[in-house]
Amino acid sequence: MSYESKLKNKEIDDLFKAILLLETEEECYRFFEDICTIKELQAIAQRFQVARLLDQKKTYNEIEEITKASTATISRVNRCLLYGADGYQLILKRLKEREQNQG
């Protein structure tokens, strides 16, 4: 079954195609440092860290202490994990599989 985003448009398609061309962590740093502000990149990284911690069944208080994220941000990420497009779930599953294969 194919996923059809409500956000889909040519500009976003072009952005995602560009991101898919990145091959190394260094290339990611170079591209994202150019395309995002420091605050935007930190906010995205924080949300991803929150998602990982929620997936590990950490409490909101533990996550707030570890990440310094607001409870509103934690709640928003949790809603995405439960009712979103499954993007977090997809990546978290792949990361776990990679860790198991490397371990």
PDB file of N, CA and C in Angstrom:
ATOM      1  N   MET A   1       0.835  -1.179   0.000  1.00  0.00           N
ATOM      2  CA  MET A   1       0.000   0.000   0.000  1.00  0.00           C
ATOM      3  C   MET A   1       0.881   1.244   0.000  1.00  0.00           C
ATOM      4  N   SER A   2       0.582   2.164  -0.843  1.00  0.00           N
ATOM      5  CA  SER A   2       1.372   3.368  -0.999  1.00  0.00           C
ATOM      6  C   SER A   2       0.831   4.481  -0.098  1.00  0.00           C
ATOM      7  N   TYR A   3       1.747   5.257   0.463  1.00  0.00           N
ATOM      8  CA  TYR A   3       1.368   6.368   1.326  1.00  0.00           C
ATOM      9  C   TYR A   3       1.270   7.636   0.488  1.00  0.00           C
ATOM     10  N   GLU A   4       0.201   8.367   0.649  1.00  0.00           N
ATOM     11  CA  GLU A   4       0.023   9.636  -0.053  1.00  0.00           C
ATOM     12  C   GLU A   4      -0.068  10.762   0.966  1.00  0.00           C
ATOM     13  N   SER A   5       0.960  11.587   1.052  1.00  0.00           N
ATOM     14  CA  SER A   5       1.016  12.670   2.028  1.00  0.00           C
ATOM     15  C   SER A   5       0.085  13.811   1.643  1.00  0.00           C
ATOM     16  N   LYS A   6      -0.492  14.441   2.659  1.00  0.00           N
ATOM     17  CA  LYS A   6      -1.302  15.639   2.451  1.00  0.00           C
ATOM     18  C   LYS A   6      -0.419  16.832   2.095  1.00  0.00           C
ATOM     19  N   LEU A   7       0.862  16.725   2.371  1.00  0.00           N
ATOM     20  CA  LEU A   7       1.808  17.817   2.123  1.00  0.00           C
ATOM     21  C   LEU A   7       2.457  17.742   0.750  1.00  0.00           C
ATOM     22  N   LYS A   8       2.205  16.668   0.023  1.00  0.00           N
ATOM     23  CA  LYS A   8       2.916  16.390  -1.228  1.00  0.00           C
ATOM     24  C   LYS A   8       2.776  17.533  -2.235  1.00  0.00           C
ATOM     25  N   ASN A   9       3.932  18.000  -2.698  1.00  0.00           N
ATOM     26  CA  ASN A   9       3.980  18.954  -3.808  1.00  0.00           C
ATOM     27  C   ASN A   9       5.364  18.866  -4.447  1.00  0.00           C
ATOM     28  N   LYS A  10       5.551  19.528  -5.558  1.00  0.00           N
ATOM     29  CA  LYS A  10       6.803  19.418  -6.312  1.00  0.00           C
ATOM     30  C   LYS A  10       8.011  19.888  -5.505  1.00  0.00           C
ATOM     31  N   GLU A  11       7.862  20.974  -4.773  1.00  0.00           N
ATOM     32  CA  GLU A  11       8.988  21.515  -4.014  1.00  0.00           C
ATOM     33  C   GLU A  11       9.446  20.536  -2.928  1.00  0.00           C
ATOM     34  N   ILE A  12       8.499  19.937  -2.235  1.00  0.00           N
ATOM     35  CA  ILE A  12       8.864  18.966  -1.203  1.00  0.00           C
ATOM     36  C   ILE A  12       9.430  17.704  -1.848  1.00  0.00           C
ATOM     37  N   ASP A  13       8.840  17.278  -2.969  1.00  0.00           N
ATOM     38  CA  ASP A  13       9.403  16.136  -3.709  1.00  0.00           C
ATOM     39  C   ASP A  13      10.865  16.395  -4.054  1.00  0.00           C
ATOM     40  N   ASP A  14      11.150  17.598  -4.561  1.00  0.00           N
ATOM     41  CA  ASP A  14      12.528  17.944  -4.942  1.00  0.00           C
ATOM     42  C   ASP A  14      13.458  17.916  -3.729  1.00  0.00           C
ATOM     43  N   LEU A  15      12.988  18.437  -2.600  1.00  0.00           N
ATOM     44  CA  LEU A  15      13.791  18.426  -1.378  1.00  0.00           C
ATOM     45  C   LEU A  15      14.108  16.995  -0.965  1.00  0.00           C
ATOM     46  N   PHE A  16      13.101  16.131  -0.928  1.00  0.00           N
ATOM     47  CA  PHE A  16      13.316  14.754  -0.496  1.00  0.00           C
ATOM     48  C   PHE A  16      14.214  13.992  -1.471  1.00  0.00           C
ATOM     49  N   LYS A  17      14.084  14.261  -2.746  1.00  0.00           N
ATOM     50  CA  LYS A  17      14.977  13.630  -3.730  1.00  0.00           C
ATOM     51  C   LYS A  17      16.418  14.066  -3.486  1.00  0.00           C
ATOM     52  N   ALA A  18      16.606  15.335  -3.150  1.00  0.00           N
ATOM     53  CA  ALA A  18      17.950  15.828  -2.827  1.00  0.00           C
ATOM     54  C   ALA A  18      18.488  15.145  -1.580  1.00  0.00           C
ATOM     55  N   ILE A  19      17.665  15.017  -0.540  1.00  0.00           N
ATOM     56  CA  ILE A  19      18.101  14.373   0.704  1.00  0.00           C
ATOM     57  C   ILE A  19      18.498  12.925   0.446  1.00  0.00           C
ATOM     58  N   LEU A  20      17.757  12.247  -0.411  1.00  0.00           N
ATOM     59  CA  LEU A  20      18.064  10.848  -0.719  1.00  0.00           C
ATOM     60  C   LEU A  20      19.395  10.681  -1.454  1.00  0.00           C
ATOM     61  N   LEU A  21      19.933  11.762  -1.995  1.00  0.00           N
ATOM     62  CA  LEU A  21      21.233  11.704  -2.667  1.00  0.00           C
ATOM     63  C   LEU A  21      22.406  11.812  -1.700  1.00  0.00           C
ATOM     64  N   LEU A  22      22.147  12.207  -0.459  1.00  0.00           N
ATOM     65  CA  LEU A  22      23.216  12.308   0.537  1.00  0.00           C
ATOM     66  C   LEU A  22      23.718  10.910   0.871  1.00  0.00           C
ATOM     67  N   GLU A  23      25.046  10.763   0.919  1.00  0.00           N
ATOM     68  CA  GLU A  23      25.626   9.429   1.093  1.00  0.00           C
ATOM     69  C   GLU A  23      26.357   9.230   2.408  1.00  0.00           C
ATOM     70  N   THR A  24      26.791  10.296   3.042  1.00  0.00           N
ATOM     71  CA  THR A  24      27.563  10.159   4.277  1.00  0.00           C
ATOM     72  C   THR A  24      27.031  11.117   5.339  1.00  0.00           C
ATOM     73  N   GLU A  25      27.437  10.855   6.577  1.00  0.00           N
ATOM     74  CA  GLU A  25      27.067  11.745   7.666  1.00  0.00           C
ATOM     75  C   GLU A  25      27.634  13.147   7.415  1.00  0.00           C
ATOM     76  N   GLU A  26      28.858  13.221   6.905  1.00  0.00           N
ATOM     77  CA  GLU A  26      29.451  14.532   6.610  1.00  0.00           C
ATOM     78  C   GLU A  26      28.622  15.288   5.587  1.00  0.00           C
ATOM     79  N   GLU A  27      28.163  14.596   4.538  1.00  0.00           N
ATOM     80  CA  GLU A  27      27.321  15.244   3.535  1.00  0.00           C
ATOM     81  C   GLU A  27      26.020  15.747   4.170  1.00  0.00           C
ATOM     82  N   CYS A  28      25.465  14.976   5.099  1.00  0.00           N
ATOM     83  CA  CYS A  28      24.252  15.404   5.805  1.00  0.00           C
ATOM     84  C   CYS A  28      24.515  16.678   6.595  1.00  0.00           C
ATOM     85  N   TYR A  29      25.627  16.702   7.332  1.00  0.00           N
ATOM     86  CA  TYR A  29      25.970  17.908   8.078  1.00  0.00           C
ATOM     87  C   TYR A  29      26.086  19.103   7.141  1.00  0.00           C
ATOM     88  N   ARG A  30      26.804  18.942   6.044  1.00  0.00           N
ATOM     89  CA  ARG A  30      27.010  20.045   5.109  1.00  0.00           C
ATOM     90  C   ARG A  30      25.674  20.562   4.562  1.00  0.00           C
ATOM     91  N   PHE A  31      24.827  19.649   4.117  1.00  0.00           N
ATOM     92  CA  PHE A  31      23.557  20.033   3.510  1.00  0.00           C
ATOM     93  C   PHE A  31      22.623  20.672   4.539  1.00  0.00           C
ATOM     94  N   PHE A  32      22.464  20.004   5.687  1.00  0.00           N
ATOM     95  CA  PHE A  32      21.505  20.503   6.671  1.00  0.00           C
ATOM     96  C   PHE A  32      21.983  21.777   7.355  1.00  0.00           C
ATOM     97  N   GLU A  33      23.289  21.964   7.485  1.00  0.00           N
ATOM     98  CA  GLU A  33      23.790  23.231   8.029  1.00  0.00           C
ATOM     99  C   GLU A  33      23.496  24.375   7.065  1.00  0.00           C
ATOM    100  N   ASP A  34      23.475  24.082   5.781  1.00  0.00           N
ATOM    101  CA  ASP A  34      23.153  25.114   4.795  1.00  0.00           C
ATOM    102  C   ASP A  34      21.646  25.367   4.701  1.00  0.00           C
ATOM    103  N   ILE A  35      20.847  24.324   4.781  1.00  0.00           N
ATOM    104  CA  ILE A  35      19.408  24.467   4.516  1.00  0.00           C
ATOM    105  C   ILE A  35      18.599  24.833   5.754  1.00  0.00           C
ATOM    106  N   CYS A  36      19.103  24.521   6.940  1.00  0.00           N
ATOM    107  CA  CYS A  36      18.385  24.801   8.193  1.00  0.00           C
ATOM    108  C   CYS A  36      19.161  25.806   9.031  1.00  0.00           C
ATOM    109  N   THR A  37      18.420  26.528   9.862  1.00  0.00           N
ATOM    110  CA  THR A  37      19.107  27.322  10.881  1.00  0.00           C
ATOM    111  C   THR A  37      19.588  26.363  11.965  1.00  0.00           C
ATOM    112  N   ILE A  38      20.479  26.823  12.800  1.00  0.00           N
ATOM    113  CA  ILE A  38      20.958  26.000  13.911  1.00  0.00           C
ATOM    114  C   ILE A  38      19.783  25.587  14.789  1.00  0.00           C
ATOM    115  N   LYS A  39      18.892  26.519  15.098  1.00  0.00           N
ATOM    116  CA  LYS A  39      17.734  26.230  15.958  1.00  0.00           C
ATOM    117  C   LYS A  39      16.810  25.200  15.309  1.00  0.00           C
ATOM    118  N   GLU A  40      16.582  25.306  14.000  1.00  0.00           N
ATOM    119  CA  GLU A  40      15.729  24.329  13.315  1.00  0.00           C
ATOM    120  C   GLU A  40      16.320  22.930  13.400  1.00  0.00           C
ATOM    121  N   LEU A  41      17.603  22.841  13.136  1.00  0.00           N
ATOM    122  CA  LEU A  41      18.268  21.538  13.178  1.00  0.00           C
ATOM    123  C   LEU A  41      18.276  20.968  14.596  1.00  0.00           C
ATOM    124  N   GLN A  42      18.516  21.815  15.577  1.00  0.00           N
ATOM    125  CA  GLN A  42      18.485  21.360  16.974  1.00  0.00           C
ATOM    126  C   GLN A  42      17.082  20.901  17.366  1.00  0.00           C
ATOM    127  N   ALA A  43      16.054  21.600  16.885  1.00  0.00           N
ATOM    128  CA  ALA A  43      14.679  21.227  17.210  1.00  0.00           C
ATOM    129  C   ALA A  43      14.322  19.881  16.582  1.00  0.00           C
ATOM    130  N   ILE A  44      14.731  19.661  15.352  1.00  0.00           N
ATOM    131  CA  ILE A  44      14.474  18.384  14.679  1.00  0.00           C
ATOM    132  C   ILE A  44      15.198  17.261  15.415  1.00  0.00           C
ATOM    133  N   ALA A  45      16.458  17.489  15.769  1.00  0.00           N
ATOM    134  CA  ALA A  45      17.242  16.478  16.481  1.00  0.00           C
ATOM    135  C   ALA A  45      16.615  16.186  17.846  1.00  0.00           C
ATOM    136  N   GLN A  46      16.141  17.229  18.522  1.00  0.00           N
ATOM    137  CA  GLN A  46      15.511  17.036  19.826  1.00  0.00           C
ATOM    138  C   GLN A  46      14.247  16.194  19.697  1.00  0.00           C
ATOM    139  N   ARG A  47      13.412  16.485  18.690  1.00  0.00           N
ATOM    140  CA  ARG A  47      12.193  15.699  18.495  1.00  0.00           C
ATOM    141  C   ARG A  47      12.509  14.243  18.207  1.00  0.00           C
ATOM    142  N   PHE A  48      13.571  14.008  17.440  1.00  0.00           N
ATOM    143  CA  PHE A  48      13.948  12.624  17.143  1.00  0.00           C
ATOM    144  C   PHE A  48      14.433  11.923  18.415  1.00  0.00           C
ATOM    145  N   GLN A  49      15.198  12.631  19.237  1.00  0.00           N
ATOM    146  CA  GLN A  49      15.651  12.052  20.501  1.00  0.00           C
ATOM    147  C   GLN A  49      14.459  11.746  21.403  1.00  0.00           C
ATOM    148  N   VAL A  50      13.478  12.633  21.438  1.00  0.00           N
ATOM    149  CA  VAL A  50      12.265  12.402  22.216  1.00  0.00           C
ATOM    150  C   VAL A  50      11.564  11.140  21.715  1.00  0.00           C
ATOM    151  N   ALA A  51      11.465  10.983  20.401  1.00  0.00           N
ATOM    152  CA  ALA A  51      10.819   9.797  19.835  1.00  0.00           C
ATOM    153  C   ALA A  51      11.538   8.524  20.259  1.00  0.00           C
ATOM    154  N   ARG A  52      12.852   8.547  20.218  1.00  0.00           N
ATOM    155  CA  ARG A  52      13.620   7.366  20.636  1.00  0.00           C
ATOM    156  C   ARG A  52      13.365   7.028  22.102  1.00  0.00           C
ATOM    157  N   LEU A  53      13.335   8.049  22.939  1.00  0.00           N
ATOM    158  CA  LEU A  53      13.121   7.824  24.370  1.00  0.00           C
ATOM    159  C   LEU A  53      11.687   7.360  24.656  1.00  0.00           C
ATOM    160  N   LEU A  54      10.717   7.909  23.941  1.00  0.00           N
ATOM    161  CA  LEU A  54       9.345   7.425  24.090  1.00  0.00           C
ATOM    162  C   LEU A  54       9.251   5.965  23.664  1.00  0.00           C
ATOM    163  N   ASP A  55       9.945   5.624  22.593  1.00  0.00           N
ATOM    164  CA  ASP A  55       9.958   4.241  22.115  1.00  0.00           C
ATOM    165  C   ASP A  55      10.591   3.307  23.148  1.00  0.00           C
ATOM    166  N   GLN A  56      11.503   3.850  23.954  1.00  0.00           N
ATOM    167  CA  GLN A  56      12.145   3.073  25.026  1.00  0.00           C
ATOM    168  C   GLN A  56      11.312   3.087  26.310  1.00  0.00           C
ATOM    169  N   LYS A  57      10.106   3.642  26.216  1.00  0.00           N
ATOM    170  CA  LYS A  57       9.147   3.679  27.336  1.00  0.00           C
ATOM    171  C   LYS A  57       9.587   4.563  28.492  1.00  0.00           C
ATOM    172  N   LYS A  58      10.393   5.579  28.201  1.00  0.00           N
ATOM    173  CA  LYS A  58      10.768   6.551  29.231  1.00  0.00           C
ATOM    174  C   LYS A  58       9.559   7.427  29.553  1.00  0.00           C
ATOM    175  N   THR A  59       9.500   7.934  30.765  1.00  0.00           N
ATOM    176  CA  THR A  59       8.400   8.803  31.168  1.00  0.00           C
ATOM    177  C   THR A  59       8.636  10.216  30.633  1.00  0.00           C
ATOM    178  N   TYR A  60       7.555  11.002  30.614  1.00  0.00           N
ATOM    179  CA  TYR A  60       7.681  12.401  30.188  1.00  0.00           C
ATOM    180  C   TYR A  60       8.709  13.131  31.055  1.00  0.00           C
ATOM    181  N   ASN A  61       8.685  12.883  32.368  1.00  0.00           N
ATOM    182  CA  ASN A  61       9.636  13.553  33.269  1.00  0.00           C
ATOM    183  C   ASN A  61      11.070  13.174  32.933  1.00  0.00           C
ATOM    184  N   GLU A  62      11.313  11.891  32.667  1.00  0.00           N
ATOM    185  CA  GLU A  62      12.667  11.448  32.300  1.00  0.00           C
ATOM    186  C   GLU A  62      13.099  12.097  30.982  1.00  0.00           C
ATOM    187  N   ILE A  63      12.191  12.130  30.027  1.00  0.00           N
ATOM    188  CA  ILE A  63      12.511  12.701  28.712  1.00  0.00           C
ATOM    189  C   ILE A  63      12.779  14.190  28.821  1.00  0.00           C
ATOM    190  N   GLU A  64      11.956  14.878  29.609  1.00  0.00           N
ATOM    191  CA  GLU A  64      12.143  16.313  29.816  1.00  0.00           C
ATOM    192  C   GLU A  64      13.514  16.590  30.432  1.00  0.00           C
ATOM    193  N   GLU A  65      13.903  15.771  31.401  1.00  0.00           N
ATOM    194  CA  GLU A  65      15.198  15.945  32.061  1.00  0.00           C
ATOM    195  C   GLU A  65      16.353  15.675  31.101  1.00  0.00           C
ATOM    196  N   ILE A  66      16.244  14.622  30.305  1.00  0.00           N
ATOM    197  CA  ILE A  66      17.318  14.233  29.390  1.00  0.00           C
ATOM    198  C   ILE A  66      17.458  15.215  28.222  1.00  0.00           C
ATOM    199  N   THR A  67      16.311  15.599  27.626  1.00  0.00           N
ATOM    200  CA  THR A  67      16.353  16.365  26.368  1.00  0.00           C
ATOM    201  C   THR A  67      16.132  17.856  26.540  1.00  0.00           C
ATOM    202  N   LYS A  68      15.583  18.240  27.686  1.00  0.00           N
ATOM    203  CA  LYS A  68      15.179  19.633  27.940  1.00  0.00           C
ATOM    204  C   LYS A  68      14.009  20.050  27.047  1.00  0.00           C
ATOM    205  N   ALA A  69      13.330  19.075  26.441  1.00  0.00           N
ATOM    206  CA  ALA A  69      12.157  19.363  25.625  1.00  0.00           C
ATOM    207  C   ALA A  69      10.983  19.702  26.525  1.00  0.00           C
ATOM    208  N   SER A  70      10.108  20.555  26.044  1.00  0.00           N
ATOM    209  CA  SER A  70       8.911  20.883  26.805  1.00  0.00           C
ATOM    210  C   SER A  70       7.946  19.698  26.783  1.00  0.00           C
ATOM    211  N   THR A  71       7.041  19.674  27.745  1.00  0.00           N
ATOM    212  CA  THR A  71       6.049  18.600  27.748  1.00  0.00           C
ATOM    213  C   THR A  71       5.149  18.714  26.516  1.00  0.00           C
ATOM    214  N   ALA A  72       4.955  19.919  26.001  1.00  0.00           N
ATOM    215  CA  ALA A  72       4.164  20.093  24.777  1.00  0.00           C
ATOM    216  C   ALA A  72       4.856  19.410  23.594  1.00  0.00           C
ATOM    217  N   THR A  73       6.170  19.565  23.494  1.00  0.00           N
ATOM    218  CA  THR A  73       6.923  18.909  22.418  1.00  0.00           C
ATOM    219  C   THR A  73       6.871  17.395  22.591  1.00  0.00           C
ATOM    220  N   ILE A  74       7.056  16.928  23.806  1.00  0.00           N
ATOM    221  CA  ILE A  74       7.022  15.484  24.064  1.00  0.00           C
ATOM    222  C   ILE A  74       5.654  14.933  23.690  1.00  0.00           C
ATOM    223  N   SER A  75       4.609  15.637  24.071  1.00  0.00           N
ATOM    224  CA  SER A  75       3.246  15.215  23.764  1.00  0.00           C
ATOM    225  C   SER A  75       3.002  15.194  22.257  1.00  0.00           C
ATOM    226  N   ARG A  76       3.499  16.200  21.556  1.00  0.00           N
ATOM    227  CA  ARG A  76       3.346  16.272  20.096  1.00  0.00           C
ATOM    228  C   ARG A  76       4.031  15.094  19.420  1.00  0.00           C
ATOM    229  N   VAL A  77       5.245  14.790  19.850  1.00  0.00           N
ATOM    230  CA  VAL A  77       5.980  13.650  19.277  1.00  0.00           C
ATOM    231  C   VAL A  77       5.249  12.344  19.602  1.00  0.00           C
ATOM    232  N   ASN A  78       4.749  12.236  20.819  1.00  0.00           N
ATOM    233  CA  ASN A  78       4.016  11.034  21.208  1.00  0.00           C
ATOM    234  C   ASN A  78       2.775  10.846  20.328  1.00  0.00           C
ATOM    235  N   ARG A  79       2.061  11.941  20.055  1.00  0.00           N
ATOM    236  CA  ARG A  79       0.900  11.865  19.166  1.00  0.00           C
ATOM    237  C   ARG A  79       1.301  11.366  17.782  1.00  0.00           C
ATOM    238  N   CYS A  80       2.437  11.837  17.289  1.00  0.00           N
ATOM    239  CA  CYS A  80       2.926  11.370  15.984  1.00  0.00           C
ATOM    240  C   CYS A  80       3.254   9.880  16.026  1.00  0.00           C
ATOM    241  N   LEU A  81       3.859   9.445  17.116  1.00  0.00           N
ATOM    242  CA  LEU A  81       4.173   8.017  17.252  1.00  0.00           C
ATOM    243  C   LEU A  81       2.910   7.170  17.256  1.00  0.00           C
ATOM    244  N   LEU A  82       1.867   7.672  17.887  1.00  0.00           N
ATOM    245  CA  LEU A  82       0.629   6.907  18.020  1.00  0.00           C
ATOM    246  C   LEU A  82      -0.306   7.048  16.822  1.00  0.00           C
ATOM    247  N   TYR A  83      -0.390   8.257  16.258  1.00  0.00           N
ATOM    248  CA  TYR A  83      -1.419   8.526  15.255  1.00  0.00           C
ATOM    249  C   TYR A  83      -0.886   9.149  13.966  1.00  0.00           C
ATOM    250  N   GLY A  84       0.422   9.261  13.842  1.00  0.00           N
ATOM    251  CA  GLY A  84       1.009   9.947  12.694  1.00  0.00           C
ATOM    252  C   GLY A  84       1.134   9.071  11.464  1.00  0.00           C
ATOM    253  N   ALA A  85       2.035   9.442  10.597  1.00  0.00           N
ATOM    254  CA  ALA A  85       2.243   8.769   9.313  1.00  0.00           C
ATOM    255  C   ALA A  85       3.198   7.584   9.424  1.00  0.00           C
ATOM    256  N   ASP A  86       3.613   7.222  10.627  1.00  0.00           N
ATOM    257  CA  ASP A  86       4.514   6.101  10.911  1.00  0.00           C
ATOM    258  C   ASP A  86       5.952   6.330  10.452  1.00  0.00           C
ATOM    259  N   GLY A  87       6.308   7.584  10.216  1.00  0.00           N
ATOM    260  CA  GLY A  87       7.687   7.896   9.836  1.00  0.00           C
ATOM    261  C   GLY A  87       8.674   7.613  10.953  1.00  0.00           C
ATOM    262  N   TYR A  88       8.326   8.048  12.174  1.00  0.00           N
ATOM    263  CA  TYR A  88       9.190   7.740  13.312  1.00  0.00           C
ATOM    264  C   TYR A  88       9.311   6.231  13.476  1.00  0.00           C
ATOM    265  N   GLN A  89       8.186   5.538  13.420  1.00  0.00           N
ATOM    266  CA  GLN A  89       8.177   4.086  13.612  1.00  0.00           C
ATOM    267  C   GLN A  89       9.071   3.388  12.597  1.00  0.00           C
ATOM    268  N   LEU A  90       9.002   3.826  11.363  1.00  0.00           N
ATOM    269  CA  LEU A  90       9.816   3.240  10.289  1.00  0.00           C
ATOM    270  C   LEU A  90      11.299   3.358  10.607  1.00  0.00           C
ATOM    271  N   ILE A  91      11.722   4.554  10.967  1.00  0.00           N
ATOM    272  CA  ILE A  91      13.142   4.786  11.233  1.00  0.00           C
ATOM    273  C   ILE A  91      13.583   4.109  12.525  1.00  0.00           C
ATOM    274  N   LEU A  92      12.758   4.168  13.568  1.00  0.00           N
ATOM    275  CA  LEU A  92      13.127   3.515  14.827  1.00  0.00           C
ATOM    276  C   LEU A  92      13.286   2.012  14.630  1.00  0.00           C
ATOM    277  N   LYS A  93      12.417   1.411  13.840  1.00  0.00           N
ATOM    278  CA  LYS A  93      12.519  -0.024  13.547  1.00  0.00           C
ATOM    279  C   LYS A  93      13.820  -0.328  12.792  1.00  0.00           C
ATOM    280  N   ARG A  94      14.135   0.492  11.796  1.00  0.00           N
ATOM    281  CA  ARG A  94      15.365   0.266  11.024  1.00  0.00           C
ATOM    282  C   ARG A  94      16.605   0.452  11.882  1.00  0.00           C
ATOM    283  N   LEU A  95      16.592   1.423  12.771  1.00  0.00           N
ATOM    284  CA  LEU A  95      17.734   1.623  13.665  1.00  0.00           C
ATOM    285  C   LEU A  95      17.922   0.428  14.587  1.00  0.00           C
ATOM    286  N   LYS A  96      16.821  -0.101  15.122  1.00  0.00           N
ATOM    287  CA  LYS A  96      16.910  -1.284  15.985  1.00  0.00           C
ATOM    288  C   LYS A  96      17.459  -2.476  15.215  1.00  0.00           C
ATOM    289  N   GLU A  97      16.991  -2.661  13.991  1.00  0.00           N
ATOM    290  CA  GLU A  97      17.479  -3.770  13.159  1.00  0.00           C
ATOM    291  C   GLU A  97      18.970  -3.612  12.880  1.00  0.00           C
ATOM    292  N   ARG A  98      19.405  -2.400  12.588  1.00  0.00           N
ATOM    293  CA  ARG A  98      20.827  -2.162  12.334  1.00  0.00           C
ATOM    294  C   ARG A  98      21.651  -2.454  13.568  1.00  0.00           C
ATOM    295  N   GLU A  99      21.184  -2.013  14.736  1.00  0.00           N
ATOM    296  CA  GLU A  99      21.907  -2.259  15.988  1.00  0.00           C
ATOM    297  C   GLU A  99      21.993  -3.759  16.273  1.00  0.00           C
ATOM    298  N   GLN A 100      20.926  -4.493  16.013  1.00  0.00           N
ATOM    299  CA  GLN A 100      20.932  -5.958  16.232  1.00  0.00           C
ATOM    300  C   GLN A 100      21.887  -6.630  15.274  1.00  0.00           C
ATOM    301  N   ASN A 101      21.943  -6.199  14.050  1.00  0.00           N
ATOM    302  CA  ASN A 101      22.827  -6.802  13.051  1.00  0.00           C
ATOM    303  C   ASN A 101      24.294  -6.485  13.312  1.00  0.00           C
ATOM    304  N   GLN A 102      24.564  -5.319  13.906  1.00  0.00           N
ATOM    305  CA  GLN A 102      25.929  -4.913  14.210  1.00  0.00           C
ATOM    306  C   GLN A 102      26.397  -5.481  15.535  1.00  0.00           C
ATOM    307  N   GLY A 103      25.447  -5.767  16.438  1.00  0.00           N
ATOM    308  CA  GLY A 103      25.782  -6.206  17.794  1.00  0.00           C
ATOM    309  C   GLY A 103      26.137  -7.629  17.837  1.00  0.00           C
TER     310      GLY A 103
END
